[in-house]
Amino acid sequence: MVWALLLRATRCHLLPAILTSLFTSLPSDVFFVGTCNDASKLPPEFARAERFDGVFFVDLPGRDQKDAIWVIYTRHYGLDAKQARPDDTNWTGAEIKSCCRLASLLDVPLLQAAQNVVPGEHTAASRRHVSHPPYR
């Protein structure tokens, strides 16, 4: 877990050093978990064959999962579960939770609270246009 948090917070020039430590200094029973929003931006050290035993893709929740998430968070925040919901296309569970939390904090309907929720897809798209130094 420490490594996953460290990877998220580090600059790209530290990634090779982390990889070296991960695979040479640690015992063989280490379970490493890392996440990324855009695998195409990973440096080659991470993308080479046989680097990791498994790579998994987790997609956005489907309609049934989103409905269940709405039920959980409207109940958790004491909201009326039957009120109109905003368009949650391309929303994750975190964005549904954020909408419910804001509705509760601001004492407004979900539709109004949703105006303050920016899906991660939009923030990720805006970062794609920012120039970053190349991985070395």
Protein backbone atom coordinates (compact mmCIF):
# COMPACT_ATOMS: atom_id res chain seq x y z
CA MET A 1 0.00 0.00 0.00
CA VAL A 2 2.85 2.37 0.74
CA TRP A 3 4.20 1.82 -2.76
CA ALA A 4 0.84 2.55 -4.41
CA LEU A 5 0.55 5.84 -2.54
CA LEU A 6 4.15 6.71 -3.30
CA LEU A 7 3.69 6.05 -7.01
CA ARG A 8 0.69 8.32 -7.12
CA ALA A 9 2.54 11.17 -5.49
CA THR A 10 5.87 10.99 -7.26
CA ARG A 11 7.27 12.69 -10.30
CA CYS A 12 8.03 10.64 -13.39
CA HIS A 13 11.81 10.71 -12.87
CA LEU A 14 11.44 8.64 -9.69
CA LEU A 15 9.47 5.80 -11.28
CA PRO A 16 12.49 3.78 -12.46
CA ALA A 17 14.02 3.95 -8.97
CA ILE A 18 10.77 2.77 -7.45
CA LEU A 19 10.61 -0.13 -9.89
CA THR A 20 14.17 -1.14 -9.05
CA SER A 21 13.40 -1.10 -5.34
CA LEU A 22 10.15 -2.95 -5.85
CA PHE A 23 11.67 -5.84 -7.73
CA THR A 24 15.11 -6.16 -6.16
CA SER A 25 14.88 -5.02 -2.53
CA LEU A 26 11.56 -6.38 -1.41
CA PRO A 27 10.63 -9.96 -0.51
CA SER A 28 8.99 -12.07 -3.19
CA ASP A 29 5.61 -12.15 -1.47
CA VAL A 30 4.93 -8.46 -2.10
CA PHE A 31 1.52 -7.65 -3.56
CA PHE A 32 1.76 -4.40 -5.52
CA VAL A 33 -1.32 -2.39 -6.49
CA GLY A 34 -1.06 0.66 -8.70
CA THR A 35 -3.65 2.70 -10.55
CA CYS A 36 -3.63 5.04 -13.50
CA ASN A 37 -6.20 6.90 -15.55
CA ASP A 38 -4.40 6.61 -18.88
CA ALA A 39 -2.19 3.55 -19.38
CA SER A 40 -0.91 4.95 -22.67
CA LYS A 41 0.99 7.59 -20.67
CA LEU A 42 2.92 5.07 -18.58
CA PRO A 43 6.67 5.02 -19.10
CA PRO A 44 8.06 1.97 -20.94
CA GLU A 45 9.46 0.53 -17.69
CA PHE A 46 5.91 -0.14 -16.55
CA ALA A 47 4.51 -1.34 -19.84
CA ARG A 48 7.04 -4.01 -20.80
CA ALA A 49 5.91 -7.64 -21.04
CA GLU A 50 6.07 -9.76 -17.88
CA ARG A 51 6.60 -6.74 -15.62
CA PHE A 52 3.48 -7.55 -13.65
CA ASP A 53 1.59 -10.81 -13.22
CA GLY A 54 -1.73 -9.21 -13.98
CA VAL A 55 -3.15 -5.99 -15.34
CA PHE A 56 -6.85 -5.29 -14.88
CA PHE A 57 -9.22 -2.79 -16.44
CA VAL A 58 -12.08 -1.51 -14.33
CA ASP A 59 -14.78 0.25 -16.32
CA LEU A 60 -17.42 2.71 -15.18
CA PRO A 61 -20.34 1.14 -13.32
CA GLY A 62 -23.26 -0.02 -15.45
CA ARG A 63 -26.86 1.11 -15.00
CA ASP A 64 -27.69 -1.52 -12.34
CA GLN A 65 -24.55 -0.70 -10.35
CA LYS A 66 -25.24 3.05 -10.57
CA ASP A 67 -28.81 2.55 -9.37
CA ALA A 68 -27.50 0.59 -6.38
CA ILE A 69 -24.92 3.30 -5.65
CA TRP A 70 -27.63 5.99 -5.73
CA VAL A 71 -29.70 3.96 -3.24
CA ILE A 72 -26.71 3.55 -0.90
CA TYR A 73 -25.73 7.22 -0.87
CA THR A 74 -29.21 8.76 -0.81
CA ARG A 75 -29.90 6.58 2.24
CA HIS A 76 -26.50 7.39 3.80
CA TYR A 77 -27.02 11.15 3.45
CA GLY A 78 -30.71 11.05 4.43
CA LEU A 79 -32.02 12.16 1.04
CA ASP A 80 -35.29 11.30 -0.68
CA ALA A 81 -34.37 8.34 -2.89
CA LYS A 82 -37.36 8.98 -5.15
CA GLN A 83 -36.33 12.49 -6.21
CA ALA A 84 -35.18 13.12 -9.78
CA ARG A 85 -31.58 12.16 -10.45
CA PRO A 86 -29.17 13.98 -12.71
CA ASP A 87 -27.77 12.47 -15.90
CA ASP A 88 -25.00 10.24 -14.56
CA THR A 89 -23.55 9.19 -17.91
CA ASN A 90 -19.78 8.78 -17.50
CA TRP A 91 -20.03 9.16 -13.73
CA THR A 92 -18.19 6.93 -11.30
CA GLY A 93 -19.48 5.91 -7.90
CA ALA A 94 -17.37 8.70 -6.38
CA GLU A 95 -19.22 11.31 -8.42
CA ILE A 96 -22.59 9.91 -7.36
CA LYS A 97 -21.42 10.05 -3.75
CA SER A 98 -20.21 13.63 -4.25
CA CYS A 99 -23.57 14.64 -5.67
CA CYS A 100 -25.42 13.14 -2.71
CA ARG A 101 -23.01 14.67 -0.21
CA LEU A 102 -23.39 18.11 -1.78
CA ALA A 103 -27.18 17.80 -1.88
CA SER A 104 -27.16 16.99 1.81
CA LEU A 105 -24.68 19.71 2.81
CA LEU A 106 -26.33 22.43 0.73
CA ASP A 107 -29.89 21.18 1.38
CA VAL A 108 -30.68 21.22 -2.34
CA PRO A 109 -32.13 18.64 -4.75
CA LEU A 110 -29.78 16.19 -6.47
CA LEU A 111 -30.32 17.94 -9.81
CA GLN A 112 -29.05 21.21 -8.38
CA ALA A 113 -26.15 19.59 -6.51
CA ALA A 114 -25.07 17.86 -9.74
CA GLN A 115 -24.24 21.24 -11.27
CA ASN A 116 -21.24 21.32 -8.93
CA VAL A 117 -20.00 17.83 -9.78
CA VAL A 118 -17.36 17.63 -12.50
CA PRO A 119 -16.92 14.06 -13.75
CA GLY A 120 -13.36 12.76 -13.70
CA GLU A 121 -13.63 12.18 -17.43
CA HIS A 122 -13.80 15.97 -17.96
CA THR A 123 -10.89 16.74 -15.66
CA ALA A 124 -8.81 13.98 -17.26
CA ALA A 125 -9.62 15.36 -20.71
CA SER A 126 -8.46 18.82 -19.68
CA ARG A 127 -5.16 17.35 -18.42
CA ARG A 128 -4.54 15.66 -21.77
CA HIS A 129 -3.95 19.07 -23.30
CA VAL A 130 -1.37 20.12 -20.72
CA SER A 131 2.24 19.65 -21.77
CA HIS A 132 4.26 17.45 -19.42
CA PRO A 133 7.97 16.69 -19.55
CA PRO A 134 8.71 13.33 -21.21
CA TYR A 135 9.39 10.27 -19.09
CA ARG A 136 13.06 9.44 -18.84
